[in-house]
Protein backbone atom coordinates (compact mmCIF):
# COMPACT_ATOMS: atom_id res chain seq x y z
CA MET A 1 30.39 -5.45 76.46
CA THR A 2 32.44 -8.11 74.68
CA ASP A 3 32.75 -7.91 70.88
CA ASP A 4 31.92 -11.61 70.54
CA PRO A 5 28.80 -11.67 68.33
CA ARG A 6 27.33 -14.71 70.13
CA PRO A 7 29.03 -15.04 73.51
CA ALA A 8 28.52 -18.02 75.77
CA CYS A 9 25.60 -17.31 78.07
CA ALA A 10 24.15 -19.39 80.90
CA VAL A 11 20.96 -17.33 81.14
CA GLN A 12 17.95 -18.31 79.04
CA HIS A 13 15.04 -15.94 78.51
CA GLU A 14 11.71 -16.38 76.75
CA VAL A 15 10.84 -13.95 73.95
CA TYR A 16 7.48 -13.48 72.27
CA ALA A 17 6.21 -11.59 69.23
CA ILE A 18 2.77 -10.08 69.91
CA ARG A 19 0.75 -8.95 66.90
CA TYR A 20 -1.45 -5.90 67.45
CA GLY A 21 -2.08 -4.27 64.04
CA HIS A 22 -2.45 -4.87 60.32
CA HIS A 23 -2.32 -2.98 57.03
CA GLN A 24 -3.26 -4.11 53.53
CA ARG A 25 -0.49 -3.18 51.09
CA VAL A 26 1.10 -4.15 47.79
CA ALA A 27 4.70 -5.13 47.10
CA ALA A 28 5.64 -1.79 45.53
CA GLN A 29 5.18 -0.14 48.94
CA ASN A 30 7.65 -2.45 50.66
CA PHE A 31 10.90 -2.35 48.65
CA ILE A 32 13.25 0.46 47.70
CA GLU A 33 13.72 -1.23 44.31
CA ALA A 34 10.72 -2.04 42.12
CA PRO A 35 9.66 -5.67 42.71
CA ALA A 36 8.83 -8.03 39.86
CA ASP A 37 5.09 -7.72 40.52
CA PRO A 38 4.53 -4.28 42.05
CA GLN A 39 0.81 -4.81 42.63
CA ALA A 40 1.08 -8.21 44.29
CA PRO A 41 -0.65 -8.19 47.69
CA MET A 42 1.90 -7.93 50.50
CA PRO A 43 0.19 -7.05 53.79
CA MET A 44 1.99 -5.81 56.88
CA ASP A 45 1.57 -6.87 60.49
CA TYR A 46 2.56 -4.77 63.49
CA PHE A 47 4.23 -6.31 66.53
CA VAL A 48 5.61 -5.55 69.93
CA TRP A 49 7.93 -8.02 71.64
CA LEU A 50 8.03 -9.33 75.19
CA ILE A 51 11.05 -10.79 76.94
CA LYS A 52 10.29 -12.84 80.03
CA CYS A 53 13.59 -12.82 81.84
CA ALA A 54 15.05 -15.76 83.70
CA ASP A 55 14.94 -13.74 86.96
CA GLY A 56 11.18 -13.15 86.67
CA ARG A 57 11.38 -9.57 85.41
CA HIS A 58 10.08 -8.41 82.06
CA VAL A 59 11.43 -6.31 79.20
CA VAL A 60 9.14 -4.96 76.47
CA VAL A 61 10.61 -4.13 73.08
CA ASP A 62 8.66 -1.27 71.46
CA THR A 63 5.26 0.04 72.49
CA GLY A 64 3.36 0.13 69.19
CA PHE A 65 0.88 2.77 68.05
CA ASP A 66 -2.30 3.94 69.75
CA ALA A 67 -5.84 4.25 68.38
CA GLN A 68 -5.36 7.90 67.43
CA ALA A 69 -2.31 7.18 65.27
CA ALA A 70 -4.02 4.14 63.73
CA ALA A 71 -7.02 6.22 62.67
CA ARG A 72 -4.91 9.06 61.32
CA ARG A 73 -2.69 6.74 59.28
CA GLY A 74 -5.33 4.26 58.12
CA ARG A 75 -3.96 1.27 60.02
CA GLU A 76 -6.08 -1.47 61.54
CA MET A 77 -5.53 -1.73 65.27
CA LEU A 78 -6.47 -5.27 66.22
CA ARG A 79 -6.19 -4.47 69.92
CA PRO A 80 -3.97 -2.32 72.16
CA PRO A 81 -0.54 -3.90 72.58
CA GLU A 82 -0.85 -3.97 76.36
CA GLN A 83 -3.78 -6.38 76.04
CA GLY A 84 -1.42 -8.84 74.39
CA LEU A 85 1.01 -8.47 77.27
CA ALA A 86 -1.80 -9.14 79.73
CA ARG A 87 -2.77 -12.34 77.92
CA LEU A 88 0.77 -13.54 78.56
CA GLY A 89 0.59 -12.61 82.23
CA VAL A 90 2.35 -9.23 82.17
CA GLU A 91 0.84 -5.88 83.18
CA ALA A 92 2.29 -2.89 81.34
CA ALA A 93 2.20 -0.79 84.51
CA GLU A 94 4.63 -3.22 86.16
CA VAL A 95 7.26 -3.34 83.39
CA ASP A 96 10.63 -1.92 84.46
CA ASP A 97 12.45 -1.69 81.11
CA VAL A 98 11.25 -0.86 77.60
CA VAL A 99 13.60 -0.93 74.62
CA ILE A 100 12.60 1.51 71.89
CA THR A 101 14.22 0.25 68.69
CA HIS A 102 13.46 3.62 67.07
CA LEU A 103 10.90 6.38 67.51
CA HIS A 104 8.61 5.77 64.52
CA TYR A 105 4.90 5.98 65.33
CA ASP A 106 4.37 2.20 65.24
CA HIS A 107 7.21 1.51 67.67
CA ALA A 108 7.12 4.35 70.20
CA GLY A 109 3.49 5.37 70.78
CA ALA A 110 1.55 5.31 74.04
CA THR A 111 4.62 5.26 76.27
CA ALA A 112 2.46 6.56 79.13
CA THR A 113 1.12 2.99 79.34
CA TYR A 114 4.44 2.13 81.07
CA PRO A 115 4.52 4.55 84.04
CA ARG A 116 7.44 2.94 85.89
CA ALA A 117 9.59 1.93 82.94
CA THR A 118 13.02 3.12 81.91
CA PHE A 119 13.20 3.56 78.13
CA TRP A 120 16.37 2.39 76.35
CA VAL A 121 16.89 4.63 73.30
CA GLN A 122 19.90 5.25 71.09
CA GLU A 123 21.50 8.68 71.44
CA LYS A 124 21.60 8.90 67.63
CA GLU A 125 17.82 8.47 67.49
CA LEU A 126 17.18 11.20 70.03
CA GLY A 127 19.44 13.56 68.08
CA PHE A 128 17.89 12.59 64.75
CA THR A 129 14.34 13.29 65.90
CA THR A 130 15.14 16.63 67.52
CA GLY A 131 17.57 18.00 64.94
CA LYS A 132 17.80 19.28 61.39
CA TYR A 133 16.45 16.15 59.70
CA MET A 134 12.98 16.87 61.05
CA CYS A 135 12.91 19.99 58.84
CA HIS A 136 12.25 17.61 55.92
CA SER A 137 8.87 15.95 55.43
CA PHE A 138 10.44 12.74 54.10
CA PHE A 139 12.24 12.12 57.39
CA ARG A 140 9.29 13.30 59.51
CA LEU A 141 6.84 11.03 57.71
CA ALA A 142 6.87 8.06 60.09
CA TYR A 143 7.24 10.03 63.33
CA GLU A 144 4.44 11.38 65.50
CA GLN A 145 5.35 14.72 67.02
CA ARG A 146 3.62 13.83 70.29
CA ASP A 147 5.62 10.60 70.60
CA VAL A 148 8.90 12.48 70.25
CA HIS A 149 7.69 15.10 72.74
CA ALA A 150 6.76 12.33 75.17
CA MET A 151 10.21 10.76 74.95
CA VAL A 152 11.89 14.12 75.55
CA GLY A 153 9.63 14.44 78.59
CA HIS A 154 10.76 11.04 79.83
CA LEU A 155 14.36 12.17 79.29
CA PHE A 156 13.81 15.23 81.48
CA ASP A 157 12.18 12.98 84.07
CA GLN A 158 15.34 10.83 84.08
CA ARG A 159 13.50 7.82 82.70
CA VAL A 160 15.58 7.36 79.53
CA HIS A 161 18.71 5.24 79.41
CA VAL A 162 20.60 6.81 76.52
CA VAL A 163 22.49 4.13 74.58
CA ASP A 164 25.59 4.94 72.54
CA GLY A 165 26.14 2.06 70.13
CA ASP A 166 26.08 -1.47 71.55
CA ALA A 167 25.08 -2.22 75.13
CA GLU A 168 24.07 -5.03 77.46
CA LEU A 169 20.71 -4.38 79.11
CA ARG A 170 21.23 -7.40 81.37
CA PRO A 171 22.88 -10.80 80.91
CA GLY A 172 21.45 -12.42 77.81
CA ILE A 173 19.91 -9.22 76.39
CA ARG A 174 22.05 -7.09 74.09
CA LEU A 175 21.29 -3.96 72.09
CA ARG A 176 23.05 -3.48 68.76
CA TRP A 177 23.03 -0.19 66.87
CA VAL A 178 22.52 -0.67 63.12
CA GLY A 179 21.12 2.63 61.77
CA GLY A 180 19.88 2.55 58.19
CA HIS A 181 16.11 2.73 58.52
CA THR A 182 16.61 5.61 60.97
CA ALA A 183 19.79 7.14 62.36
CA GLY A 184 19.35 5.40 65.70
CA LEU A 185 17.75 2.07 64.86
CA GLN A 186 18.85 -0.69 67.23
CA VAL A 187 18.16 -4.42 67.15
CA VAL A 188 17.91 -6.71 70.17
CA GLN A 189 19.73 -9.98 70.82
CA VAL A 190 18.08 -12.31 73.32
CA HIS A 191 19.58 -15.55 74.61
CA THR A 192 17.00 -18.35 74.79
CA ALA A 193 16.82 -22.13 75.04
CA ALA A 194 17.31 -22.20 71.25
CA GLY A 195 20.32 -19.89 71.36
CA TRP A 196 20.55 -16.23 70.38
CA VAL A 197 17.39 -14.75 68.84
CA VAL A 198 17.65 -11.41 67.01
CA LEU A 199 14.69 -9.04 67.01
CA ALA A 200 15.62 -7.19 63.83
CA SER A 201 12.77 -4.67 64.13
CA ASP A 202 12.80 -2.45 61.02
CA LEU A 203 16.29 -3.33 59.88
CA PHE A 204 14.13 -5.35 57.52
CA HIS A 205 10.34 -5.26 57.68
CA TYR A 206 9.99 -8.55 55.78
CA TYR A 207 12.18 -11.61 55.32
CA ALA A 208 12.15 -10.67 51.62
CA ASN A 209 13.81 -7.29 52.22
CA ARG A 210 16.94 -9.06 53.44
CA ASP A 211 16.68 -11.98 51.02
CA LYS A 212 16.46 -9.64 48.00
CA GLY A 213 18.91 -7.06 49.34
CA SER A 214 16.26 -4.36 48.96
CA PRO A 215 15.48 -2.27 52.06
CA PHE A 216 12.08 -0.86 52.93
CA PRO A 217 11.63 2.50 51.13
CA ILE A 218 11.40 4.61 54.29
CA VAL A 219 15.11 4.74 54.98
CA TYR A 220 17.71 7.21 56.23
CA ARG A 221 20.89 5.44 55.04
CA PRO A 222 20.31 2.45 52.72
CA ASP A 223 24.03 1.65 52.79
CA GLN A 224 23.87 1.13 56.54
CA SER A 225 20.86 -1.16 56.12
CA LEU A 226 22.61 -3.27 53.50
CA GLU A 227 25.76 -3.58 55.59
CA ALA A 228 23.72 -4.64 58.63
CA PHE A 229 21.81 -7.21 56.54
CA GLY A 230 25.10 -9.08 56.45
CA ARG A 231 26.16 -8.50 60.07
CA VAL A 232 22.90 -9.62 61.63
CA GLY A 233 23.52 -13.24 60.66
CA ALA A 234 26.48 -13.37 63.04
CA TRP A 235 24.31 -12.31 65.97
CA ALA A 236 21.77 -15.15 65.72
CA SER A 237 22.47 -18.79 66.56
CA ASP A 238 20.49 -19.85 63.48
CA ALA A 239 18.99 -18.03 60.49
CA ALA A 240 15.54 -19.17 61.63
CA LEU A 241 16.00 -17.09 64.80
CA ILE A 242 16.28 -13.74 62.96
CA VAL A 243 12.90 -12.04 63.29
CA PRO A 244 11.80 -9.22 60.93
CA GLY A 245 9.73 -6.34 62.22
CA HIS A 246 6.49 -6.59 60.24
CA ASP A 247 6.24 -9.83 58.29
CA PRO A 248 2.98 -11.84 58.69
CA LEU A 249 5.11 -14.95 58.09
CA VAL A 250 6.42 -14.60 61.65
CA MET A 251 3.05 -15.94 62.82
CA GLN A 252 3.60 -19.04 60.68
CA ARG A 253 7.27 -19.71 61.37
CA PHE A 254 7.11 -19.93 65.16
CA ALA A 255 4.99 -21.89 67.63
CA ARG A 256 1.79 -20.19 68.77
CA ASP A 257 1.36 -19.53 72.46
CA VAL A 258 -1.81 -21.30 73.58
CA ARG A 259 -2.77 -18.42 75.88
CA ASP A 260 -3.04 -16.05 72.92
CA ALA A 261 -2.81 -18.26 69.84
CA ASP A 262 -4.20 -15.78 67.30
CA PHE A 263 -1.75 -13.06 68.23
CA SER A 264 1.38 -14.37 69.99
CA VAL A 265 4.25 -16.68 69.03
CA ARG A 266 7.19 -18.08 70.97
CA LEU A 267 10.36 -16.97 69.22
CA TRP A 268 12.58 -19.64 70.78
CA GLU A 269 10.46 -22.32 69.07
CA PRO A 270 10.90 -21.97 65.29
CA LEU A 271 8.78 -24.24 63.11
CA SER A 272 10.51 -23.76 59.77
CA ALA A 273 13.64 -22.24 58.32
CA PRO A 274 13.41 -19.00 56.31
């Protein structure tokens, strides 16, 4: 894959953010440094992402959590993520490729919903979740043991494409390793009619994490996060096309899709700059 951060690309895909969950929180829970008003309300949304490829195929980015994980962790599940896909005309059982940005519970649950998919996972993430770091509760906190077991099962079934660093999934879809939040966190570049969109996932949960230079407090290597905060700007055609992983503002900054207006936005149609 070329090192050009935004290479010329003739292929244009469509990419959607699909909201499926919610959690009421305060600002103190969302920054590694104490914010000015720690008790200010700062809720979190949960998303999966859908790429409708120019050739008619589909790529899903992350699978979300299931009802069991939502109940155990006190999260509000608005609906199963696959229902959002269906509203946009995609059946989970027919998806061929799923990118797992990292294996946290809210990004890698319910992978059985995608019975024919190949899962694209960073080698560093597989090693992180099956090695010495899982001896420590701090690093285990956001992982579900059954999700990690499921991914190892997919690996043994030869359904995991193990990614080492940066890779091209197909023309106009690029995976970029960033680390930081977890050892194997990857972000996704998608070429669209508006240029290159970056699905930043949990590199920064909120626009404010990057704007303030303060990562989310669940973090493996804050230095890697901070370095990637700077690099990610080179991967997007415009700052408005950098999409955080959990910010409710995403639903306000992009055009709603009329088929699913309360839950889905079209990430190649920004409405306002960050």
